[in-house]
């Protein structure tokens, strides 16, 4: 049973997922830049603007975590699972994440941020 309230756990999970989304988008940016697309600019702008939006949110997450004494540390990774240690106001909790679940969540977040970017224009 977790002692961490849902809201704080969600923020701590963002500290896991958002950097992963940025890594994927960074790779995609390089792929688009080196692709034979006739019109690369719209794709590059979408990815870059999405990355800016995610970086801004990640900065807010980090500020919140620092202010509230929250930390997430990756402790172990294998083919199936990644384990994280959540440090919450003096408490330690180990959380195991199924890697395909992580991948699905990263994809879900990418879709969310792309749509958010699309709707903001």
C-alpha atoms as a PDB file:
ATOM      1  CA  UNK A   1       0.000   0.000   0.000  1.00  0.00           C
ATOM      2  CA  UNK A   2       1.408   3.346  -0.999  1.00  0.00           C
ATOM      3  CA  UNK A   3       1.618   6.288   1.394  1.00  0.00           C
ATOM      4  CA  UNK A   4       1.973   8.700  -1.508  1.00  0.00           C
ATOM      5  CA  UNK A   5      -1.194  10.620  -2.418  1.00  0.00           C
ATOM      6  CA  UNK A   6      -2.350  10.136  -6.028  1.00  0.00           C
ATOM      7  CA  UNK A   7      -1.597  13.738  -7.008  1.00  0.00           C
ATOM      8  CA  UNK A   8       2.011  13.541  -5.819  1.00  0.00           C
ATOM      9  CA  UNK A   9       2.493  10.067  -7.310  1.00  0.00           C
ATOM     10  CA  UNK A  10       1.230  11.366 -10.671  1.00  0.00           C
ATOM     11  CA  UNK A  11       3.778  14.178 -10.530  1.00  0.00           C
ATOM     12  CA  UNK A  12       6.541  11.727  -9.629  1.00  0.00           C
ATOM     13  CA  UNK A  13       5.531   9.531 -12.568  1.00  0.00           C
ATOM     14  CA  UNK A  14       5.737  12.559 -14.856  1.00  0.00           C
ATOM     15  CA  UNK A  15       9.345  12.893 -13.688  1.00  0.00           C
ATOM     16  CA  UNK A  16       9.818   9.390 -15.118  1.00  0.00           C
ATOM     17  CA  UNK A  17       7.813   9.679 -18.325  1.00  0.00           C
ATOM     18  CA  UNK A  18       8.456  13.224 -19.595  1.00  0.00           C
ATOM     19  CA  UNK A  19      12.240  12.799 -20.011  1.00  0.00           C
ATOM     20  CA  UNK A  20      11.513   9.595 -21.963  1.00  0.00           C
ATOM     21  CA  UNK A  21       9.096  11.465 -24.232  1.00  0.00           C
ATOM     22  CA  UNK A  22      11.802  14.071 -24.857  1.00  0.00           C
ATOM     23  CA  UNK A  23      14.323  11.362 -25.774  1.00  0.00           C
ATOM     24  CA  UNK A  24      11.911   9.854 -28.301  1.00  0.00           C
ATOM     25  CA  UNK A  25      11.076  13.263 -29.793  1.00  0.00           C
ATOM     26  CA  UNK A  26      14.770  14.159 -30.016  1.00  0.00           C
ATOM     27  CA  UNK A  27      15.434  10.980 -32.000  1.00  0.00           C
ATOM     28  CA  UNK A  28      12.424  11.653 -34.203  1.00  0.00           C
ATOM     29  CA  UNK A  29      13.653  15.185 -34.824  1.00  0.00           C
ATOM     30  CA  UNK A  30      16.951  13.797 -36.127  1.00  0.00           C
ATOM     31  CA  UNK A  31      15.107  11.284 -38.321  1.00  0.00           C
ATOM     32  CA  UNK A  32      12.928  14.031 -39.842  1.00  0.00           C
ATOM     33  CA  UNK A  33      15.939  16.307 -40.391  1.00  0.00           C
ATOM     34  CA  UNK A  34      17.705  13.530 -42.307  1.00  0.00           C
ATOM     35  CA  UNK A  35      14.632  12.310 -44.162  1.00  0.00           C
ATOM     36  CA  UNK A  36      13.764  12.825 -47.823  1.00  0.00           C
ATOM     37  CA  UNK A  37      10.542  14.700 -46.930  1.00  0.00           C
ATOM     38  CA  UNK A  38       9.778  17.365 -49.453  1.00  0.00           C
ATOM     39  CA  UNK A  39       8.478  19.738 -46.765  1.00  0.00           C
ATOM     40  CA  UNK A  40      10.244  19.078 -43.469  1.00  0.00           C
ATOM     41  CA  UNK A  41       9.510  22.379 -41.761  1.00  0.00           C
ATOM     42  CA  UNK A  42       5.954  21.581 -40.523  1.00  0.00           C
ATOM     43  CA  UNK A  43       7.137  18.311 -38.965  1.00  0.00           C
ATOM     44  CA  UNK A  44      10.178  19.931 -37.395  1.00  0.00           C
ATOM     45  CA  UNK A  45       8.071  22.773 -35.987  1.00  0.00           C
ATOM     46  CA  UNK A  46       5.512  20.377 -34.529  1.00  0.00           C
ATOM     47  CA  UNK A  47       8.191  18.296 -32.824  1.00  0.00           C
ATOM     48  CA  UNK A  48      10.157  21.330 -31.603  1.00  0.00           C
ATOM     49  CA  UNK A  49       7.078  23.130 -30.229  1.00  0.00           C
ATOM     50  CA  UNK A  50       5.923  19.927 -28.542  1.00  0.00           C
ATOM     51  CA  UNK A  51       9.365  19.507 -26.968  1.00  0.00           C
ATOM     52  CA  UNK A  52       9.268  23.095 -25.653  1.00  0.00           C
ATOM     53  CA  UNK A  53       5.876  22.451 -24.091  1.00  0.00           C
ATOM     54  CA  UNK A  54       7.103  19.239 -22.433  1.00  0.00           C
ATOM     55  CA  UNK A  55      10.328  20.895 -21.205  1.00  0.00           C
ATOM     56  CA  UNK A  56       8.258  23.659 -19.617  1.00  0.00           C
ATOM     57  CA  UNK A  57       6.030  21.122 -17.841  1.00  0.00           C
ATOM     58  CA  UNK A  58       9.040  19.050 -16.762  1.00  0.00           C
ATOM     59  CA  UNK A  59      10.597  22.173 -15.217  1.00  0.00           C
ATOM     60  CA  UNK A  60       7.367  22.713 -13.234  1.00  0.00           C
ATOM     61  CA  UNK A  61       7.423  19.064 -12.119  1.00  0.00           C
ATOM     62  CA  UNK A  62      11.037  19.387 -10.946  1.00  0.00           C
ATOM     63  CA  UNK A  63      10.280  22.621  -9.072  1.00  0.00           C
ATOM     64  CA  UNK A  64       7.289  21.003  -7.351  1.00  0.00           C
ATOM     65  CA  UNK A  65       9.296  17.920  -6.416  1.00  0.00           C
ATOM     66  CA  UNK A  66      12.170  19.974  -5.002  1.00  0.00           C
ATOM     67  CA  UNK A  67       9.798  22.191  -3.021  1.00  0.00           C
ATOM     68  CA  UNK A  68       7.955  19.165  -1.587  1.00  0.00           C
ATOM     69  CA  UNK A  69      10.986  16.949  -0.956  1.00  0.00           C
ATOM     70  CA  UNK A  70      10.090  14.287  -3.560  1.00  0.00           C
ATOM     71  CA  UNK A  71      12.595  12.195  -5.529  1.00  0.00           C
ATOM     72  CA  UNK A  72      12.486   9.396  -8.069  1.00  0.00           C
ATOM     73  CA  UNK A  73      15.540   7.206  -8.638  1.00  0.00           C
ATOM     74  CA  UNK A  74      15.797   4.391 -11.171  1.00  0.00           C
ATOM     75  CA  UNK A  75      17.295   1.480  -9.257  1.00  0.00           C
ATOM     76  CA  UNK A  76      17.128  -1.473 -11.620  1.00  0.00           C
ATOM     77  CA  UNK A  77      16.193  -2.301 -15.198  1.00  0.00           C
ATOM     78  CA  UNK A  78      15.887  -5.569 -17.067  1.00  0.00           C
ATOM     79  CA  UNK A  79      14.104  -6.782 -20.206  1.00  0.00           C
ATOM     80  CA  UNK A  80      10.669  -6.818 -18.586  1.00  0.00           C
ATOM     81  CA  UNK A  81      10.664  -4.325 -15.714  1.00  0.00           C
ATOM     82  CA  UNK A  82      12.149  -1.070 -14.514  1.00  0.00           C
ATOM     83  CA  UNK A  83      12.259  -0.431 -10.777  1.00  0.00           C
ATOM     84  CA  UNK A  84      12.158   3.035  -9.253  1.00  0.00           C
ATOM     85  CA  UNK A  85      12.660   4.196  -5.705  1.00  0.00           C
ATOM     86  CA  UNK A  86      10.197   6.928  -4.749  1.00  0.00           C
ATOM     87  CA  UNK A  87      11.413   9.123  -1.892  1.00  0.00           C
ATOM     88  CA  UNK A  88       8.421  10.895  -0.414  1.00  0.00           C
ATOM     89  CA  UNK A  89       8.889  13.198   2.575  1.00  0.00           C
ATOM     90  CA  UNK A  90      11.176  10.774   4.379  1.00  0.00           C
ATOM     91  CA  UNK A  91       9.480   7.583   3.195  1.00  0.00           C
ATOM     92  CA  UNK A  92      10.942   5.189   0.625  1.00  0.00           C
ATOM     93  CA  UNK A  93       8.808   3.085  -1.688  1.00  0.00           C
ATOM     94  CA  UNK A  94       9.937   0.721  -4.428  1.00  0.00           C
ATOM     95  CA  UNK A  95       7.768   0.751  -7.546  1.00  0.00           C
ATOM     96  CA  UNK A  96       8.104  -1.790 -10.334  1.00  0.00           C
ATOM     97  CA  UNK A  97       6.948  -0.754 -13.835  1.00  0.00           C
ATOM     98  CA  UNK A  98       6.347  -3.193 -16.662  1.00  0.00           C
ATOM     99  CA  UNK A  99       8.426  -1.878 -19.606  1.00  0.00           C
ATOM    100  CA  UNK A 100       5.611  -2.251 -22.196  1.00  0.00           C
ATOM    101  CA  UNK A 101       3.411  -0.198 -19.855  1.00  0.00           C
ATOM    102  CA  UNK A 102       6.098   2.507 -19.781  1.00  0.00           C
ATOM    103  CA  UNK A 103       6.291   2.479 -23.588  1.00  0.00           C
ATOM    104  CA  UNK A 104       2.494   2.728 -23.882  1.00  0.00           C
ATOM    105  CA  UNK A 105       2.366   5.609 -21.418  1.00  0.00           C
ATOM    106  CA  UNK A 106       5.128   7.463 -23.297  1.00  0.00           C
ATOM    107  CA  UNK A 107       3.183   6.984 -26.542  1.00  0.00           C
ATOM    108  CA  UNK A 108      -0.017   8.180 -24.866  1.00  0.00           C
ATOM    109  CA  UNK A 109       1.757  11.299 -23.613  1.00  0.00           C
ATOM    110  CA  UNK A 110       3.230  11.982 -27.062  1.00  0.00           C
ATOM    111  CA  UNK A 111      -0.262  11.814 -28.567  1.00  0.00           C
ATOM    112  CA  UNK A 112      -1.606  14.113 -25.834  1.00  0.00           C
ATOM    113  CA  UNK A 113       1.126  16.720 -26.374  1.00  0.00           C
ATOM    114  CA  UNK A 114       0.851  16.577 -30.163  1.00  0.00           C
ATOM    115  CA  UNK A 115      -2.894  17.174 -29.930  1.00  0.00           C
ATOM    116  CA  UNK A 116      -2.374  19.941 -27.383  1.00  0.00           C
ATOM    117  CA  UNK A 117       0.145  21.539 -29.753  1.00  0.00           C
ATOM    118  CA  UNK A 118      -2.244  21.153 -32.682  1.00  0.00           C
ATOM    119  CA  UNK A 119      -5.132  22.730 -30.768  1.00  0.00           C
ATOM    120  CA  UNK A 120      -3.026  25.671 -29.597  1.00  0.00           C
ATOM    121  CA  UNK A 121      -2.468  26.816 -33.187  1.00  0.00           C
END
